Amino acid sequence: MDPVQIIGAVVAWAITIPLALGFFKAGKFKATASRETLIGAGFGWVTKLPFGVVRLIAWLELLGVAGIVLAPLASELLGFGWAQPWGVAAAAGLALTMVVAFIMHAARGELKYTAKNNIALFAMSAAVAVILALFGGPLF
C-alpha cells in the first residue's frame, strides 16, 4: 500500500466528514421545513422559486452527501473500485451546487452574508472531488 494513497485517503475523509455534515444539515432542513419556516430562517430566496425546486435542491444535496460518503466507503473498505467515480461525481455535483448558489446570492445582493460559506463549501467539495479522483481506490 502506497503511503501517498493512505495520506490522500485520510485527507479526503478529514474534509469529507465536515462537508457531509454541513450539506446533510442544510439538505435535511430544506427537505423537511415549510416555506414559512425557511423564510423565517433567512432563506428569502425560496419566495422566488417554486417550492418543488427548493425540495429538489434539498434532495440533490442529500444525494450528494450519500455519494461522498458511501462511494468511497464501498471503494476503500469493500474493494468496489467501480464506486469511486460516483464519489467524485457527487463531490463535483456539490461543488456545482455551490457555484449556482453563489450566482443566485450575487444576483440577490446577499454575498456579504453568504460568500464565505459558499466559497468554503465550494472549495471543500472541489478538493474532495480532486482528492478522490487522484488518490481514490481500494486501500486493502
N, C-alpha and C. Protein backbone atom coordinates (compact mmCIF):
# COMPACT_ATOMS: atom_id res chain seq x y z
N MET A 1 0.85 -1.18 0.00
CA MET A 1 0.00 0.00 0.00
C MET A 1 0.89 1.23 0.00
N ASP A 2 0.65 2.11 -0.91
CA ASP A 2 1.42 3.33 -1.10
C ASP A 2 1.08 4.35 0.01
N PRO A 3 2.09 4.88 0.72
CA PRO A 3 1.81 5.86 1.78
C PRO A 3 1.12 7.12 1.27
N VAL A 4 1.40 7.51 0.04
CA VAL A 4 0.75 8.70 -0.52
C VAL A 4 -0.74 8.47 -0.67
N GLN A 5 -1.11 7.27 -1.07
CA GLN A 5 -2.53 6.94 -1.21
C GLN A 5 -3.22 6.95 0.16
N ILE A 6 -2.53 6.45 1.16
CA ILE A 6 -3.11 6.45 2.51
C ILE A 6 -3.29 7.88 3.00
N ILE A 7 -2.28 8.73 2.80
CA ILE A 7 -2.38 10.13 3.22
C ILE A 7 -3.51 10.82 2.46
N GLY A 8 -3.63 10.55 1.17
CA GLY A 8 -4.71 11.12 0.37
C GLY A 8 -6.08 10.72 0.90
N ALA A 9 -6.22 9.45 1.28
CA ALA A 9 -7.50 8.97 1.82
C ALA A 9 -7.81 9.64 3.16
N VAL A 10 -6.81 9.80 4.00
CA VAL A 10 -7.02 10.44 5.30
C VAL A 10 -7.43 11.91 5.12
N VAL A 11 -6.74 12.60 4.23
CA VAL A 11 -7.08 14.00 3.96
C VAL A 11 -8.48 14.09 3.37
N ALA A 12 -8.81 13.19 2.46
CA ALA A 12 -10.15 13.20 1.86
C ALA A 12 -11.23 13.02 2.93
N TRP A 13 -11.01 12.09 3.85
CA TRP A 13 -12.00 11.89 4.91
C TRP A 13 -12.04 13.07 5.88
N ALA A 14 -10.89 13.69 6.12
CA ALA A 14 -10.85 14.85 7.02
C ALA A 14 -11.66 16.01 6.45
N ILE A 15 -11.72 16.11 5.14
CA ILE A 15 -12.52 17.16 4.50
C ILE A 15 -13.96 16.69 4.31
N THR A 16 -14.13 15.43 3.97
CA THR A 16 -15.46 14.90 3.66
C THR A 16 -16.40 14.92 4.86
N ILE A 17 -15.91 14.59 6.03
CA ILE A 17 -16.80 14.49 7.19
C ILE A 17 -17.48 15.82 7.51
N PRO A 18 -16.74 16.93 7.69
CA PRO A 18 -17.46 18.19 7.95
C PRO A 18 -18.30 18.66 6.76
N LEU A 19 -17.82 18.38 5.54
CA LEU A 19 -18.59 18.75 4.35
C LEU A 19 -19.92 18.00 4.32
N ALA A 20 -19.87 16.71 4.59
CA ALA A 20 -21.10 15.90 4.59
C ALA A 20 -22.05 16.35 5.69
N LEU A 21 -21.52 16.66 6.86
CA LEU A 21 -22.38 17.13 7.95
C LEU A 21 -23.06 18.45 7.60
N GLY A 22 -22.32 19.36 6.99
CA GLY A 22 -22.89 20.65 6.61
C GLY A 22 -23.98 20.52 5.56
N PHE A 23 -23.69 19.75 4.50
CA PHE A 23 -24.70 19.57 3.46
C PHE A 23 -25.88 18.75 3.95
N PHE A 24 -25.64 17.78 4.84
CA PHE A 24 -26.75 16.99 5.39
C PHE A 24 -27.68 17.88 6.19
N LYS A 25 -27.10 18.73 7.04
CA LYS A 25 -27.93 19.62 7.86
C LYS A 25 -28.75 20.55 6.97
N ALA A 26 -28.11 21.15 5.98
CA ALA A 26 -28.81 22.07 5.08
C ALA A 26 -29.87 21.35 4.26
N GLY A 27 -29.52 20.19 3.71
CA GLY A 27 -30.46 19.44 2.90
C GLY A 27 -31.65 18.94 3.69
N LYS A 28 -31.40 18.44 4.88
CA LYS A 28 -32.49 17.94 5.71
C LYS A 28 -33.44 19.07 6.09
N PHE A 29 -32.88 20.23 6.42
CA PHE A 29 -33.71 21.38 6.78
C PHE A 29 -34.59 21.80 5.60
N LYS A 30 -33.99 21.89 4.41
CA LYS A 30 -34.75 22.28 3.23
C LYS A 30 -35.77 21.21 2.84
N ALA A 31 -35.48 19.96 3.12
CA ALA A 31 -36.37 18.87 2.75
C ALA A 31 -37.56 18.74 3.68
N THR A 32 -37.43 19.21 4.93
CA THR A 32 -38.49 18.98 5.91
C THR A 32 -39.21 20.23 6.37
N ALA A 33 -38.61 21.40 6.22
CA ALA A 33 -39.22 22.63 6.72
C ALA A 33 -40.26 23.16 5.75
N SER A 34 -41.22 23.87 6.30
CA SER A 34 -42.22 24.52 5.46
C SER A 34 -41.62 25.78 4.83
N ARG A 35 -42.29 26.30 3.82
CA ARG A 35 -41.84 27.53 3.17
C ARG A 35 -41.72 28.66 4.19
N GLU A 36 -42.69 28.78 5.08
CA GLU A 36 -42.68 29.85 6.08
C GLU A 36 -41.51 29.70 7.04
N THR A 37 -41.21 28.47 7.42
CA THR A 37 -40.07 28.23 8.31
C THR A 37 -38.76 28.61 7.63
N LEU A 38 -38.62 28.25 6.36
CA LEU A 38 -37.41 28.59 5.61
C LEU A 38 -37.26 30.10 5.48
N ILE A 39 -38.34 30.78 5.18
CA ILE A 39 -38.29 32.24 5.06
C ILE A 39 -37.92 32.86 6.40
N GLY A 40 -38.51 32.36 7.48
CA GLY A 40 -38.19 32.86 8.81
C GLY A 40 -36.75 32.62 9.21
N ALA A 41 -36.13 31.58 8.64
CA ALA A 41 -34.74 31.26 8.95
C ALA A 41 -33.76 32.04 8.07
N GLY A 42 -34.28 32.93 7.22
CA GLY A 42 -33.41 33.75 6.40
C GLY A 42 -33.22 33.26 4.98
N PHE A 43 -33.98 32.26 4.58
CA PHE A 43 -33.90 31.74 3.22
C PHE A 43 -34.88 32.51 2.33
N GLY A 44 -34.64 33.79 2.16
CA GLY A 44 -35.55 34.63 1.40
C GLY A 44 -35.69 34.24 -0.05
N TRP A 45 -34.71 33.55 -0.58
CA TRP A 45 -34.74 33.14 -1.99
C TRP A 45 -35.84 32.15 -2.28
N VAL A 46 -36.39 31.48 -1.26
CA VAL A 46 -37.44 30.49 -1.53
C VAL A 46 -38.73 31.16 -2.00
N THR A 47 -38.86 32.47 -1.78
CA THR A 47 -40.05 33.17 -2.27
C THR A 47 -40.03 33.33 -3.78
N LYS A 48 -38.85 33.26 -4.38
CA LYS A 48 -38.70 33.46 -5.83
C LYS A 48 -38.74 32.18 -6.64
N LEU A 49 -38.75 31.04 -5.98
CA LEU A 49 -38.72 29.75 -6.67
C LEU A 49 -39.96 28.94 -6.33
N PRO A 50 -40.40 28.09 -7.25
CA PRO A 50 -41.44 27.13 -6.87
C PRO A 50 -40.92 26.24 -5.74
N PHE A 51 -41.81 25.89 -4.83
CA PHE A 51 -41.34 25.14 -3.66
C PHE A 51 -40.80 23.77 -4.04
N GLY A 52 -41.25 23.21 -5.15
CA GLY A 52 -40.70 21.94 -5.63
C GLY A 52 -39.22 22.05 -5.97
N VAL A 53 -38.79 23.20 -6.45
CA VAL A 53 -37.37 23.41 -6.75
C VAL A 53 -36.55 23.42 -5.46
N VAL A 54 -37.11 24.02 -4.41
CA VAL A 54 -36.43 24.04 -3.12
C VAL A 54 -36.25 22.61 -2.61
N ARG A 55 -37.31 21.81 -2.73
CA ARG A 55 -37.22 20.40 -2.32
C ARG A 55 -36.23 19.64 -3.19
N LEU A 56 -36.19 19.94 -4.49
CA LEU A 56 -35.24 19.29 -5.39
C LEU A 56 -33.81 19.60 -4.97
N ILE A 57 -33.54 20.85 -4.66
CA ILE A 57 -32.20 21.24 -4.18
C ILE A 57 -31.85 20.46 -2.93
N ALA A 58 -32.82 20.34 -2.02
CA ALA A 58 -32.59 19.61 -0.77
C ALA A 58 -32.22 18.16 -1.05
N TRP A 59 -32.98 17.50 -1.92
CA TRP A 59 -32.71 16.09 -2.19
C TRP A 59 -31.42 15.89 -2.97
N LEU A 60 -31.08 16.84 -3.83
CA LEU A 60 -29.78 16.75 -4.52
C LEU A 60 -28.63 16.89 -3.53
N GLU A 61 -28.78 17.78 -2.54
CA GLU A 61 -27.75 17.90 -1.51
C GLU A 61 -27.63 16.62 -0.71
N LEU A 62 -28.76 16.02 -0.35
CA LEU A 62 -28.73 14.77 0.42
C LEU A 62 -28.15 13.62 -0.41
N LEU A 63 -28.46 13.56 -1.69
CA LEU A 63 -27.86 12.54 -2.55
C LEU A 63 -26.35 12.76 -2.69
N GLY A 64 -25.93 14.03 -2.75
CA GLY A 64 -24.51 14.34 -2.80
C GLY A 64 -23.79 13.86 -1.56
N VAL A 65 -24.42 14.05 -0.41
CA VAL A 65 -23.84 13.57 0.85
C VAL A 65 -23.69 12.06 0.82
N ALA A 66 -24.75 11.38 0.39
CA ALA A 66 -24.67 9.92 0.31
C ALA A 66 -23.55 9.49 -0.62
N GLY A 67 -23.39 10.20 -1.73
CA GLY A 67 -22.36 9.85 -2.69
C GLY A 67 -20.95 10.06 -2.17
N ILE A 68 -20.71 11.18 -1.47
CA ILE A 68 -19.35 11.43 -1.00
C ILE A 68 -18.97 10.57 0.20
N VAL A 69 -19.97 9.98 0.84
CA VAL A 69 -19.67 9.11 1.99
C VAL A 69 -19.68 7.63 1.57
N LEU A 70 -20.75 7.20 0.91
CA LEU A 70 -20.91 5.78 0.63
C LEU A 70 -20.00 5.27 -0.49
N ALA A 71 -19.78 6.07 -1.52
CA ALA A 71 -18.94 5.60 -2.63
C ALA A 71 -17.50 5.36 -2.19
N PRO A 72 -16.86 6.30 -1.47
CA PRO A 72 -15.50 6.00 -1.01
C PRO A 72 -15.46 4.82 -0.02
N LEU A 73 -16.48 4.72 0.83
CA LEU A 73 -16.51 3.57 1.75
C LEU A 73 -16.57 2.26 0.98
N ALA A 74 -17.44 2.21 -0.02
CA ALA A 74 -17.56 0.99 -0.83
C ALA A 74 -16.25 0.69 -1.56
N SER A 75 -15.60 1.73 -2.03
CA SER A 75 -14.36 1.54 -2.77
C SER A 75 -13.21 1.14 -1.85
N GLU A 76 -13.06 1.89 -0.75
CA GLU A 76 -11.91 1.68 0.13
C GLU A 76 -12.04 0.45 1.01
N LEU A 77 -13.20 0.23 1.57
CA LEU A 77 -13.34 -0.85 2.53
C LEU A 77 -13.82 -2.16 1.91
N LEU A 78 -14.65 -2.06 0.89
CA LEU A 78 -15.19 -3.27 0.28
C LEU A 78 -14.49 -3.65 -1.02
N GLY A 79 -13.65 -2.78 -1.53
CA GLY A 79 -12.91 -3.07 -2.74
C GLY A 79 -13.71 -2.89 -4.02
N PHE A 80 -14.84 -2.19 -3.94
CA PHE A 80 -15.65 -1.94 -5.13
C PHE A 80 -15.10 -0.71 -5.85
N GLY A 81 -14.07 -0.92 -6.66
CA GLY A 81 -13.44 0.18 -7.36
C GLY A 81 -14.37 0.95 -8.27
N TRP A 82 -15.42 0.31 -8.77
CA TRP A 82 -16.39 0.97 -9.64
C TRP A 82 -17.17 2.06 -8.92
N ALA A 83 -17.18 2.03 -7.58
CA ALA A 83 -17.95 3.02 -6.81
C ALA A 83 -17.23 4.36 -6.70
N GLN A 84 -15.91 4.34 -6.83
CA GLN A 84 -15.12 5.56 -6.63
C GLN A 84 -15.53 6.71 -7.55
N PRO A 85 -15.75 6.49 -8.84
CA PRO A 85 -16.18 7.60 -9.70
C PRO A 85 -17.50 8.24 -9.26
N TRP A 86 -18.36 7.47 -8.61
CA TRP A 86 -19.61 8.05 -8.11
C TRP A 86 -19.34 9.04 -6.99
N GLY A 87 -18.33 8.78 -6.17
CA GLY A 87 -17.95 9.74 -5.13
C GLY A 87 -17.38 11.01 -5.73
N VAL A 88 -16.58 10.85 -6.78
CA VAL A 88 -16.02 12.03 -7.48
C VAL A 88 -17.16 12.84 -8.09
N ALA A 89 -18.10 12.16 -8.73
CA ALA A 89 -19.24 12.85 -9.35
C ALA A 89 -20.10 13.55 -8.30
N ALA A 90 -20.30 12.91 -7.16
CA ALA A 90 -21.10 13.52 -6.10
C ALA A 90 -20.42 14.78 -5.56
N ALA A 91 -19.12 14.72 -5.33
CA ALA A 91 -18.39 15.89 -4.85
C ALA A 91 -18.41 17.01 -5.89
N ALA A 92 -18.24 16.66 -7.15
CA ALA A 92 -18.31 17.66 -8.22
C ALA A 92 -19.70 18.26 -8.31
N GLY A 93 -20.72 17.46 -8.11
CA GLY A 93 -22.10 17.96 -8.11
C GLY A 93 -22.35 18.93 -6.98
N LEU A 94 -21.80 18.63 -5.80
CA LEU A 94 -21.95 19.56 -4.68
C LEU A 94 -21.20 20.86 -4.95
N ALA A 95 -20.04 20.77 -5.59
CA ALA A 95 -19.30 21.99 -5.96
C ALA A 95 -20.12 22.81 -6.95
N LEU A 96 -20.73 22.15 -7.92
CA LEU A 96 -21.57 22.86 -8.89
C LEU A 96 -22.77 23.50 -8.19
N THR A 97 -23.33 22.83 -7.21
CA THR A 97 -24.43 23.40 -6.43
C THR A 97 -24.01 24.71 -5.80
N MET A 98 -22.78 24.75 -5.29
CA MET A 98 -22.31 25.98 -4.64
C MET A 98 -22.00 27.08 -5.65
N VAL A 99 -21.62 26.72 -6.86
CA VAL A 99 -21.44 27.73 -7.92
C VAL A 99 -22.78 28.39 -8.22
N VAL A 100 -23.81 27.58 -8.38
CA VAL A 100 -25.15 28.11 -8.65
C VAL A 100 -25.64 28.94 -7.46
N ALA A 101 -25.39 28.47 -6.25
CA ALA A 101 -25.79 29.23 -5.06
C ALA A 101 -25.08 30.58 -5.01
N PHE A 102 -23.81 30.61 -5.35
CA PHE A 102 -23.05 31.85 -5.36
C PHE A 102 -23.65 32.83 -6.37
N ILE A 103 -23.97 32.34 -7.55
CA ILE A 103 -24.56 33.19 -8.59
C ILE A 103 -25.92 33.72 -8.12
N MET A 104 -26.72 32.85 -7.54
CA MET A 104 -28.03 33.27 -7.07
C MET A 104 -27.93 34.31 -5.96
N HIS A 105 -27.04 34.08 -5.01
CA HIS A 105 -26.87 35.04 -3.92
C HIS A 105 -26.30 36.36 -4.43
N ALA A 106 -25.44 36.30 -5.43
CA ALA A 106 -24.90 37.53 -6.02
C ALA A 106 -26.02 38.33 -6.69
N ALA A 107 -26.89 37.63 -7.41
CA ALA A 107 -28.00 38.31 -8.08
C ALA A 107 -28.96 38.95 -7.08
N ARG A 108 -29.08 38.35 -5.92
CA ARG A 108 -29.98 38.90 -4.89
C ARG A 108 -29.28 39.90 -3.97
N GLY A 109 -27.99 40.14 -4.18
CA GLY A 109 -27.26 41.09 -3.34
C GLY A 109 -26.98 40.58 -1.94
N GLU A 110 -26.85 39.27 -1.79
CA GLU A 110 -26.66 38.68 -0.47
C GLU A 110 -25.24 38.19 -0.21
N LEU A 111 -24.32 38.48 -1.10
CA LEU A 111 -22.97 37.92 -0.97
C LEU A 111 -22.27 38.35 0.31
N LYS A 112 -22.56 39.53 0.81
CA LYS A 112 -21.89 39.95 2.04
C LYS A 112 -22.26 39.04 3.22
N TYR A 113 -23.38 38.33 3.07
CA TYR A 113 -23.80 37.40 4.13
C TYR A 113 -23.42 35.95 3.83
N THR A 114 -23.32 35.61 2.56
CA THR A 114 -23.19 34.20 2.20
C THR A 114 -21.88 33.82 1.51
N ALA A 115 -21.09 34.79 1.10
CA ALA A 115 -19.90 34.50 0.28
C ALA A 115 -18.93 33.55 0.97
N LYS A 116 -18.66 33.78 2.25
CA LYS A 116 -17.68 32.94 2.95
C LYS A 116 -18.12 31.48 2.97
N ASN A 117 -19.38 31.25 3.29
CA ASN A 117 -19.88 29.87 3.32
C ASN A 117 -19.91 29.25 1.94
N ASN A 118 -20.37 30.02 0.94
CA ASN A 118 -20.41 29.49 -0.43
C ASN A 118 -19.02 29.10 -0.90
N ILE A 119 -18.06 29.97 -0.68
CA ILE A 119 -16.69 29.71 -1.14
C ILE A 119 -16.08 28.53 -0.39
N ALA A 120 -16.31 28.48 0.92
CA ALA A 120 -15.75 27.38 1.72
C ALA A 120 -16.34 26.04 1.29
N LEU A 121 -17.66 25.98 1.11
CA LEU A 121 -18.28 24.72 0.69
C LEU A 121 -17.87 24.34 -0.72
N PHE A 122 -17.72 25.33 -1.60
CA PHE A 122 -17.24 25.04 -2.95
C PHE A 122 -15.82 24.47 -2.89
N ALA A 123 -14.94 25.14 -2.14
CA ALA A 123 -13.54 24.70 -2.07
C ALA A 123 -13.43 23.29 -1.48
N MET A 124 -14.21 23.02 -0.44
CA MET A 124 -14.16 21.69 0.17
C MET A 124 -14.69 20.63 -0.80
N SER A 125 -15.78 20.93 -1.49
CA SER A 125 -16.35 19.98 -2.45
C SER A 125 -15.38 19.71 -3.59
N ALA A 126 -14.79 20.78 -4.11
CA ALA A 126 -13.83 20.62 -5.22
C ALA A 126 -12.61 19.84 -4.76
N ALA A 127 -12.14 20.13 -3.54
CA ALA A 127 -10.98 19.41 -3.01
C ALA A 127 -11.27 17.92 -2.85
N VAL A 128 -12.45 17.60 -2.35
CA VAL A 128 -12.82 16.19 -2.20
C VAL A 128 -12.89 15.52 -3.57
N ALA A 129 -13.46 16.19 -4.55
CA ALA A 129 -13.55 15.62 -5.90
C ALA A 129 -12.16 15.33 -6.46
N VAL A 130 -11.26 16.29 -6.32
CA VAL A 130 -9.91 16.12 -6.86
C VAL A 130 -9.15 15.03 -6.10
N ILE A 131 -9.24 15.05 -4.78
CA ILE A 131 -8.51 14.05 -3.98
C ILE A 131 -9.04 12.64 -4.26
N LEU A 132 -10.37 12.51 -4.34
CA LEU A 132 -10.92 11.19 -4.65
C LEU A 132 -10.52 10.73 -6.04
N ALA A 133 -10.46 11.67 -6.98
CA ALA A 133 -10.04 11.29 -8.34
C ALA A 133 -8.58 10.88 -8.39
N LEU A 134 -7.74 11.57 -7.63
CA LEU A 134 -6.30 11.28 -7.68
C LEU A 134 -5.89 10.09 -6.82
N PHE A 135 -6.46 10.01 -5.63
CA PHE A 135 -5.99 9.02 -4.65
C PHE A 135 -7.00 7.94 -4.34
N GLY A 136 -8.16 8.00 -4.95
CA GLY A 136 -9.21 7.02 -4.64
C GLY A 136 -8.85 5.65 -5.11
N GLY A 137 -9.49 4.69 -4.49
CA GLY A 137 -9.28 3.30 -4.85
C GLY A 137 -9.24 2.46 -3.62
N PRO A 138 -9.30 1.18 -3.78
CA PRO A 138 -9.29 0.29 -2.62
C PRO A 138 -8.00 0.42 -1.81
N LEU A 139 -8.14 0.50 -0.50
CA LEU A 139 -6.97 0.56 0.38
C LEU A 139 -6.47 -0.83 0.75
N PHE A 140 -7.33 -1.81 0.63
CA PHE A 140 -6.95 -3.15 1.06
C PHE A 140 -6.93 -4.11 -0.09
